[in-house]
Amino acid sequence: MEIYNPTDENFEMIQPKNDIYRGIIFPSLSKRIQALFIDSLIIFIIFLGFSYLFDFLKDENEYLRIFIFIFMLFLYEPILIYFFKGTIGQQILNLKVTNYDNPNKKLRLLNSFLRFLIKWSLGWLSFISIMFNTKNRAIHDIVSNSIVTFFEDLKKTNKY
């Protein structure tokens, strides 16, 4: 059995991946619910705005209405997480969703969709699991290999 010395050039390769999160404060359940509430309000306001717009324009185009409905309900979260590392609500509260194995990387699009599907399939059960995880990861975070952190913490530790 070989013993590794911290001065050894291969030392970084054997460090557990949990070390990348040393000193990071993870968002609480209430902070994540606040972000979800903000996103729900944004989606509601957009639905309301488009509803008034369609009534004003007397637009009967059902396909456009269906597209907007599908986008807002099923694509809003995965697309924003993929491109911007968070939804508008998460961005407002300074939360970022990244790849668990490497917080420098954004979450892959497939993982963003998987995260969304698990989150909405399990509902509150997924969120309650945050209380039993040391990094406040919900079931949908674990399954999709994601983690939610504060943007500033990652930036201060040069992990972003």
C-alpha atoms as a PDB file:
ATOM      1  CA  MET A   1       0.000   0.000   0.000  1.00  0.00           C
ATOM      2  CA  GLU A   2       1.389   3.338  -1.040  1.00  0.00           C
ATOM      3  CA  ILE A   3       1.130   6.370   1.244  1.00  0.00           C
ATOM      4  CA  TYR A   4       0.495   9.742  -0.402  1.00  0.00           C
ATOM      5  CA  ASN A   5       2.251  12.861   0.705  1.00  0.00           C
ATOM      6  CA  PRO A   6       0.429  16.229   0.319  1.00  0.00           C
ATOM      7  CA  THR A   7       3.458  17.547  -1.531  1.00  0.00           C
ATOM      8  CA  ASP A   8       3.193  14.725  -4.063  1.00  0.00           C
ATOM      9  CA  GLU A   9       2.230  15.917  -7.571  1.00  0.00           C
ATOM     10  CA  ASN A  10      -0.670  13.421  -7.679  1.00  0.00           C
ATOM     11  CA  PHE A  11      -2.170  14.545  -4.370  1.00  0.00           C
ATOM     12  CA  GLU A  12      -4.977  16.577  -5.991  1.00  0.00           C
ATOM     13  CA  MET A  13      -6.101  13.518  -7.919  1.00  0.00           C
ATOM     14  CA  ILE A  14      -6.733  11.494  -4.733  1.00  0.00           C
ATOM     15  CA  GLN A  15      -8.562  14.160  -2.741  1.00  0.00           C
ATOM     16  CA  PRO A  16     -12.214  13.336  -2.215  1.00  0.00           C
ATOM     17  CA  LYS A  17     -14.525  15.406  -4.386  1.00  0.00           C
ATOM     18  CA  ASN A  18     -16.269  16.707  -1.270  1.00  0.00           C
ATOM     19  CA  ASP A  19     -13.221  18.912  -0.620  1.00  0.00           C
ATOM     20  CA  ILE A  20     -14.287  21.205  -3.449  1.00  0.00           C
ATOM     21  CA  TYR A  21     -17.194  22.280  -1.243  1.00  0.00           C
ATOM     22  CA  ARG A  22     -15.168  23.007   1.898  1.00  0.00           C
ATOM     23  CA  GLY A  23     -16.245  26.370   3.298  1.00  0.00           C
ATOM     24  CA  ILE A  24     -19.301  26.618   1.047  1.00  0.00           C
ATOM     25  CA  ILE A  25     -22.623  27.542   2.651  1.00  0.00           C
ATOM     26  CA  PHE A  26     -25.524  25.772   0.989  1.00  0.00           C
ATOM     27  CA  PRO A  27     -28.949  27.401   0.565  1.00  0.00           C
ATOM     28  CA  SER A  28     -31.589  26.370   3.068  1.00  0.00           C
ATOM     29  CA  LEU A  29     -34.936  24.823   2.259  1.00  0.00           C
ATOM     30  CA  SER A  30     -36.656  28.170   2.846  1.00  0.00           C
ATOM     31  CA  LYS A  31     -34.305  29.969   0.432  1.00  0.00           C
ATOM     32  CA  ARG A  32     -35.019  27.407  -2.287  1.00  0.00           C
ATOM     33  CA  ILE A  33     -38.775  27.631  -1.679  1.00  0.00           C
ATOM     34  CA  GLN A  34     -38.516  31.426  -1.987  1.00  0.00           C
ATOM     35  CA  ALA A  35     -36.869  30.995  -5.400  1.00  0.00           C
ATOM     36  CA  LEU A  36     -39.645  28.575  -6.428  1.00  0.00           C
ATOM     37  CA  PHE A  37     -42.268  31.085  -5.282  1.00  0.00           C
ATOM     38  CA  ILE A  38     -40.638  33.898  -7.300  1.00  0.00           C
ATOM     39  CA  ASP A  39     -40.538  31.664 -10.379  1.00  0.00           C
ATOM     40  CA  SER A  40     -44.204  30.741  -9.893  1.00  0.00           C
ATOM     41  CA  LEU A  41     -45.110  34.434  -9.755  1.00  0.00           C
ATOM     42  CA  ILE A  42     -43.093  35.147 -12.893  1.00  0.00           C
ATOM     43  CA  ILE A  43     -44.777  32.309 -14.775  1.00  0.00           C
ATOM     44  CA  PHE A  44     -48.200  33.489 -13.585  1.00  0.00           C
ATOM     45  CA  ILE A  45     -47.507  37.082 -14.656  1.00  0.00           C
ATOM     46  CA  ILE A  46     -46.306  35.926 -18.075  1.00  0.00           C
ATOM     47  CA  PHE A  47     -49.411  33.749 -18.521  1.00  0.00           C
ATOM     48  CA  LEU A  48     -51.592  36.672 -17.503  1.00  0.00           C
ATOM     49  CA  GLY A  49     -49.736  39.047 -19.831  1.00  0.00           C
ATOM     50  CA  PHE A  50     -50.067  36.718 -22.817  1.00  0.00           C
ATOM     51  CA  SER A  51     -53.722  36.136 -22.009  1.00  0.00           C
ATOM     52  CA  TYR A  52     -54.400  39.875 -22.117  1.00  0.00           C
ATOM     53  CA  LEU A  53     -52.276  40.235 -25.253  1.00  0.00           C
ATOM     54  CA  PHE A  54     -54.204  37.495 -27.071  1.00  0.00           C
ATOM     55  CA  ASP A  55     -57.524  39.028 -26.025  1.00  0.00           C
ATOM     56  CA  PHE A  56     -56.391  42.492 -27.122  1.00  0.00           C
ATOM     57  CA  LEU A  57     -55.150  41.250 -30.513  1.00  0.00           C
ATOM     58  CA  LYS A  58     -58.164  38.978 -30.934  1.00  0.00           C
ATOM     59  CA  ASP A  59     -55.651  36.222 -31.757  1.00  0.00           C
ATOM     60  CA  GLU A  60     -57.240  32.808 -32.090  1.00  0.00           C
ATOM     61  CA  ASN A  61     -53.988  30.989 -32.895  1.00  0.00           C
ATOM     62  CA  GLU A  62     -54.214  27.916 -30.678  1.00  0.00           C
ATOM     63  CA  TYR A  63     -50.745  26.654 -31.653  1.00  0.00           C
ATOM     64  CA  LEU A  64     -49.078  29.792 -30.336  1.00  0.00           C
ATOM     65  CA  ARG A  65     -51.032  29.546 -27.096  1.00  0.00           C
ATOM     66  CA  ILE A  66     -50.070  25.886 -26.716  1.00  0.00           C
ATOM     67  CA  PHE A  67     -46.406  26.665 -27.427  1.00  0.00           C
ATOM     68  CA  ILE A  68     -46.308  29.412 -24.788  1.00  0.00           C
ATOM     69  CA  PHE A  69     -48.078  27.163 -22.284  1.00  0.00           C
ATOM     70  CA  ILE A  70     -45.663  24.267 -22.890  1.00  0.00           C
ATOM     71  CA  PHE A  71     -42.631  26.548 -22.808  1.00  0.00           C
ATOM     72  CA  MET A  72     -43.581  28.194 -19.549  1.00  0.00           C
ATOM     73  CA  LEU A  73     -44.536  24.999 -17.751  1.00  0.00           C
ATOM     74  CA  PHE A  74     -42.046  22.484 -19.093  1.00  0.00           C
ATOM     75  CA  LEU A  75     -39.105  24.374 -20.593  1.00  0.00           C
ATOM     76  CA  TYR A  76     -38.716  27.462 -18.391  1.00  0.00           C
ATOM     77  CA  GLU A  77     -36.692  25.805 -15.635  1.00  0.00           C
ATOM     78  CA  PRO A  78     -34.527  23.326 -17.591  1.00  0.00           C
ATOM     79  CA  ILE A  79     -33.620  25.857 -20.297  1.00  0.00           C
ATOM     80  CA  LEU A  80     -32.729  28.641 -17.848  1.00  0.00           C
ATOM     81  CA  ILE A  81     -30.693  26.271 -15.675  1.00  0.00           C
ATOM     82  CA  TYR A  82     -28.821  25.007 -18.714  1.00  0.00           C
ATOM     83  CA  PHE A  83     -28.005  28.430 -20.161  1.00  0.00           C
ATOM     84  CA  PHE A  84     -27.777  30.615 -17.037  1.00  0.00           C
ATOM     85  CA  LYS A  85     -27.207  28.164 -14.140  1.00  0.00           C
ATOM     86  CA  GLY A  86     -30.527  29.109 -12.624  1.00  0.00           C
ATOM     87  CA  THR A  87     -34.048  30.344 -13.095  1.00  0.00           C
ATOM     88  CA  ILE A  88     -34.954  33.995 -12.619  1.00  0.00           C
ATOM     89  CA  GLY A  89     -36.023  33.297  -9.024  1.00  0.00           C
ATOM     90  CA  GLN A  90     -32.764  31.507  -8.300  1.00  0.00           C
ATOM     91  CA  GLN A  91     -30.770  34.323  -9.911  1.00  0.00           C
ATOM     92  CA  ILE A  92     -32.585  36.951  -7.810  1.00  0.00           C
ATOM     93  CA  LEU A  93     -31.684  35.025  -4.647  1.00  0.00           C
ATOM     94  CA  ASN A  94     -28.093  34.486  -5.844  1.00  0.00           C
ATOM     95  CA  LEU A  95     -28.523  30.711  -6.229  1.00  0.00           C
ATOM     96  CA  LYS A  96     -26.777  28.704  -8.922  1.00  0.00           C
ATOM     97  CA  VAL A  97     -27.404  25.146 -10.084  1.00  0.00           C
ATOM     98  CA  THR A  98     -24.252  23.435 -11.313  1.00  0.00           C
ATOM     99  CA  ASN A  99     -22.755  20.027 -11.910  1.00  0.00           C
ATOM    100  CA  TYR A 100     -22.067  18.290  -8.583  1.00  0.00           C
ATOM    101  CA  ASP A 101     -18.790  16.701  -9.674  1.00  0.00           C
ATOM    102  CA  ASN A 102     -17.412  19.961 -11.024  1.00  0.00           C
ATOM    103  CA  PRO A 103     -19.091  23.225  -9.960  1.00  0.00           C
ATOM    104  CA  ASN A 104     -17.180  25.012 -12.726  1.00  0.00           C
ATOM    105  CA  LYS A 105     -19.419  23.265 -15.242  1.00  0.00           C
ATOM    106  CA  LYS A 106     -23.021  24.025 -15.920  1.00  0.00           C
ATOM    107  CA  LEU A 107     -25.544  21.237 -15.716  1.00  0.00           C
ATOM    108  CA  ARG A 108     -26.038  19.331 -18.962  1.00  0.00           C
ATOM    109  CA  LEU A 109     -29.364  19.898 -20.720  1.00  0.00           C
ATOM    110  CA  LEU A 110     -30.459  16.279 -20.260  1.00  0.00           C
ATOM    111  CA  ASN A 111     -29.661  16.515 -16.539  1.00  0.00           C
ATOM    112  CA  SER A 112     -31.613  19.789 -16.336  1.00  0.00           C
ATOM    113  CA  PHE A 113     -34.684  18.075 -17.781  1.00  0.00           C
ATOM    114  CA  LEU A 114     -34.209  15.047 -15.523  1.00  0.00           C
ATOM    115  CA  ARG A 115     -33.915  17.359 -12.515  1.00  0.00           C
ATOM    116  CA  PHE A 116     -37.121  19.131 -13.489  1.00  0.00           C
ATOM    117  CA  LEU A 117     -39.081  15.898 -14.052  1.00  0.00           C
ATOM    118  CA  ILE A 118     -38.009  14.360 -10.740  1.00  0.00           C
ATOM    119  CA  LYS A 119     -38.667  17.626  -8.903  1.00  0.00           C
ATOM    120  CA  TRP A 120     -42.221  17.891 -10.176  1.00  0.00           C
ATOM    121  CA  SER A 121     -42.938  14.173  -9.937  1.00  0.00           C
ATOM    122  CA  LEU A 122     -41.964  13.965  -6.271  1.00  0.00           C
ATOM    123  CA  GLY A 123     -43.108  17.453  -5.286  1.00  0.00           C
ATOM    124  CA  TRP A 124     -42.512  18.447  -1.669  1.00  0.00           C
ATOM    125  CA  LEU A 125     -41.034  15.054  -0.842  1.00  0.00           C
ATOM    126  CA  SER A 126     -37.993  15.940  -2.914  1.00  0.00           C
ATOM    127  CA  PHE A 127     -37.578  19.281  -1.137  1.00  0.00           C
ATOM    128  CA  ILE A 128     -38.031  17.825   2.347  1.00  0.00           C
ATOM    129  CA  SER A 129     -35.064  15.545   1.715  1.00  0.00           C
ATOM    130  CA  ILE A 130     -32.880  18.693   1.839  1.00  0.00           C
ATOM    131  CA  MET A 131     -33.072  18.601   5.623  1.00  0.00           C
ATOM    132  CA  PHE A 132     -31.389  15.187   5.707  1.00  0.00           C
ATOM    133  CA  ASN A 133     -28.478  15.941   3.380  1.00  0.00           C
ATOM    134  CA  THR A 134     -25.286  17.666   4.504  1.00  0.00           C
ATOM    135  CA  LYS A 135     -25.072  19.727   1.306  1.00  0.00           C
ATOM    136  CA  ASN A 136     -28.811  20.475   1.257  1.00  0.00           C
ATOM    137  CA  ARG A 137     -29.246  18.433  -1.902  1.00  0.00           C
ATOM    138  CA  ALA A 138     -32.786  17.411  -2.731  1.00  0.00           C
ATOM    139  CA  ILE A 139     -33.656  14.088  -4.353  1.00  0.00           C
ATOM    140  CA  HIS A 140     -33.884  15.803  -7.739  1.00  0.00           C
ATOM    141  CA  ASP A 141     -30.359  17.193  -7.212  1.00  0.00           C
ATOM    142  CA  ILE A 142     -28.936  13.786  -6.336  1.00  0.00           C
ATOM    143  CA  VAL A 143     -30.571  11.997  -9.281  1.00  0.00           C
ATOM    144  CA  SER A 144     -29.509  14.687 -11.781  1.00  0.00           C
ATOM    145  CA  ASN A 145     -25.987  15.053 -10.327  1.00  0.00           C
ATOM    146  CA  SER A 146     -26.564  18.728  -9.543  1.00  0.00           C
ATOM    147  CA  ILE A 147     -25.980  20.980  -6.575  1.00  0.00           C
ATOM    148  CA  VAL A 148     -27.420  24.347  -5.603  1.00  0.00           C
ATOM    149  CA  THR A 149     -25.004  26.854  -4.101  1.00  0.00           C
ATOM    150  CA  PHE A 150     -24.707  30.564  -3.616  1.00  0.00           C
ATOM    151  CA  PHE A 151     -22.929  32.156  -6.568  1.00  0.00           C
ATOM    152  CA  GLU A 152     -20.750  34.382  -4.395  1.00  0.00           C
ATOM    153  CA  ASP A 153     -19.386  31.477  -2.319  1.00  0.00           C
ATOM    154  CA  LEU A 154     -18.142  29.719  -5.433  1.00  0.00           C
ATOM    155  CA  LYS A 155     -16.669  32.942  -6.756  1.00  0.00           C
ATOM    156  CA  LYS A 156     -14.805  33.746  -3.511  1.00  0.00           C
ATOM    157  CA  THR A 157     -13.220  30.299  -3.381  1.00  0.00           C
ATOM    158  CA  ASN A 158     -12.215  30.397  -7.071  1.00  0.00           C
ATOM    159  CA  LYS A 159     -14.391  27.370  -7.751  1.00  0.00           C
ATOM    160  CA  TYR A 160     -16.587  29.124 -10.322  1.00  0.00           C
END
